[in-house]
Amino acid sequence: MINKGVNGHRVTDLALRWKRDVIDLEPDLLSVSIGINDVWRQLDSPGLSQVDVSKFEEVYRDLLSQLPTTTKLVLMEPTIIKENPQSQGNQMLIPYVEVVRKLAVEFDAVPIPTHDVFIDHLTKKPDVSLTTDGVHMRKKGNELMAKAWLKETESLIDL
């Protein structure tokens, strides 16, 4: 397993390193988690050139279309922005989550419903914080992501 995630990267940043970090490695199984920063940057850096949902979908689809059909693909939904399910960030995130779901179907990928898992957790246990700042995970947030991933990919991996 090789982690090629880069803090703060958006789908457009991923596109710049896709060949080197993914295609050239010829992975048998690829798990992608992207999208949270595409929305977060709209909130914390409004002066930055933004990745709206249509650009997100266009770039993400192009990246996935470059994969060989033999690569098993796992697509993780963006998690949350802030601990309040009704926050502006979480509302802005919904169309990006829908794009990931759509692409999972289109590319026959295993979808990981991390957004739903996180929103469900926040609804049932609002006092248990998942992030340090609204996007970066605490131990409980990492645990929820890992459990969701393992639950959905059980048939793909031989533990």
Foldseek 3Di string as FASTA:
>chain_A
DDDPDDPLDALVNCLVCLCVPPVVVLAQEDEDEHDLNLLVCCPPPVVDDGQALVNSLVSVLVSLVPHDLSRAYEYEQQAWFDLDCPDPSNVSSVSVSVSSVVVCVVSVHQYQDRNVLSNVCCVVPVPDDQADHRHHGDPVVVVSSVVSVCVRCVVVDDD
